[in-house]
Structures are given as C-alpha cells and as structure tokens.
C-alpha atoms as a PDB file:
ATOM      1  CA  MET A   1      -0.174   0.093   0.202  1.00  0.00           C
ATOM      2  CA  PHE A   2       1.488   3.404  -1.162  1.00  0.00           C
ATOM      3  CA  ARG A   3       1.269   6.503   1.061  1.00  0.00           C
ATOM      4  CA  GLN A   4       0.640   9.345  -1.392  1.00  0.00           C
ATOM      5  CA  ASP A   5       0.239  11.638   1.920  1.00  0.00           C
ATOM      6  CA  HIS A   6       2.999  10.926   3.582  1.00  0.00           C
ATOM      7  CA  ALA A   7       6.165  11.906   2.734  1.00  0.00           C
ATOM      8  CA  ALA A   8       8.677   9.547   4.150  1.00  0.00           C
ATOM      9  CA  LYS A   9      12.587  10.199   4.381  1.00  0.00           C
ATOM     10  CA  PRO A  10      15.093   8.452   2.140  1.00  0.00           C
ATOM     11  CA  PRO A  11      16.945   5.693   4.293  1.00  0.00           C
ATOM     12  CA  LEU A  12      20.315   6.575   5.331  1.00  0.00           C
ATOM     13  CA  LEU A  13      23.141   5.351   4.136  1.00  0.00           C
ATOM     14  CA  PRO A  14      26.020   4.156   5.155  1.00  0.00           C
ATOM     15  CA  GLU A  15      29.532   6.861   5.253  1.00  0.00           C
ATOM     16  CA  THR A  16      31.470   4.986   2.658  1.00  0.00           C
ATOM     17  CA  GLY A  17      34.374   6.981   2.007  1.00  0.00           C
ATOM     18  CA  SER A  18      36.726   5.337   4.485  1.00  0.00           C
ATOM     19  CA  ARG A  19      36.687   2.200   2.880  1.00  0.00           C
ATOM     20  CA  LEU A  20      37.001   3.411  -0.509  1.00  0.00           C
ATOM     21  CA  ASN A  21      40.027   5.219   0.243  1.00  0.00           C
ATOM     22  CA  LEU A  22      41.490   1.914   2.169  1.00  0.00           C
ATOM     23  CA  ALA A  23      40.540   0.488  -1.210  1.00  0.00           C
ATOM     24  CA  THR A  24      42.533   2.840  -3.018  1.00  0.00           C
ATOM     25  CA  TYR A  25      45.192   2.252  -1.091  1.00  0.00           C
ATOM     26  CA  GLU A  26      45.615  -1.383  -1.233  1.00  0.00           C
ATOM     27  CA  THR A  27      45.311  -1.428  -4.881  1.00  0.00           C
ATOM     28  CA  ALA A  28      48.066   0.927  -5.053  1.00  0.00           C
ATOM     29  CA  GLN A  29      49.838  -1.837  -2.944  1.00  0.00           C
ATOM     30  CA  LEU A  30      49.561  -4.507  -5.533  1.00  0.00           C
ATOM     31  CA  PRO A  31      52.477  -5.760  -7.618  1.00  0.00           C
ATOM     32  CA  ALA A  32      52.631  -5.075 -11.225  1.00  0.00           C
ATOM     33  CA  PRO A  33      51.447  -7.970 -12.945  1.00  0.00           C
ATOM     34  CA  THR A  34      54.230  -9.773 -14.520  1.00  0.00           C
ATOM     35  CA  PHE A  35      54.039 -11.411 -18.445  1.00  0.00           C
ATOM     36  CA  PRO A  36      53.902 -14.767 -19.054  1.00  0.00           C
ATOM     37  CA  GLY A  37      57.498 -16.349 -20.314  1.00  0.00           C
ATOM     38  CA  SER A  38      57.912 -17.933 -23.675  1.00  0.00           C
ATOM     39  CA  ALA A  39      57.945 -21.601 -21.720  1.00  0.00           C
ATOM     40  CA  GLN A  40      53.923 -21.116 -22.205  1.00  0.00           C
ATOM     41  CA  VAL A  41      52.650 -24.055 -25.403  1.00  0.00           C
ATOM     42  CA  ILE A  42      49.586 -23.388 -26.797  1.00  0.00           C
ATOM     43  CA  PRO A  43      46.232 -25.700 -26.007  1.00  0.00           C
ATOM     44  CA  HIS A  44      45.461 -28.104 -28.913  1.00  0.00           C
ATOM     45  CA  GLN A  45      42.381 -29.941 -29.687  1.00  0.00           C
ATOM     46  CA  GLU A  46      43.007 -33.662 -28.838  1.00  0.00           C
ATOM     47  CA  ARG A  47      42.361 -35.954 -32.530  1.00  0.00           C
ATOM     48  CA  GLY A  48      39.388 -38.234 -32.570  1.00  0.00           C
ATOM     49  CA  THR A  49      35.805 -37.608 -31.611  1.00  0.00           C
ATOM     50  CA  ARG A  50      33.885 -37.436 -28.557  1.00  0.00           C
ATOM     51  CA  HIS A  51      32.719 -40.090 -26.518  1.00  0.00           C
ATOM     52  CA  ARG A  52      29.104 -39.138 -25.261  1.00  0.00           C
ATOM     53  CA  LEU A  53      27.618 -41.071 -22.462  1.00  0.00           C
END
C-alpha cells in the first residue's frame, strides 16, 4: 500500500569514504602484473571424436 499523503524520508546510507580510501590504497600496493614467459605451450584440440555417455 502506497501512502501518497505521507512524505517518507529516504533511508540513511552508510559512510563509504573510508572504505573507498582503503580500497584505493590497497590496489596501489599490489605488485605489477608479470608477462607470461616464452615457455608456455598453446593449447591444442585432441584427435578423434568426442565420446558421449
């Protein structure tokens, strides 16, 4: 049931500024990504047909 004659206040939202600052700091502290080496092998499809149950 909606009450058009009663103006309800919006709900209070939690403070998120400190969490954003913490997340920004933590992501800045992560090590840089490394590129894969040349020893990687490209995946290949196996020969034959697929066996179904």
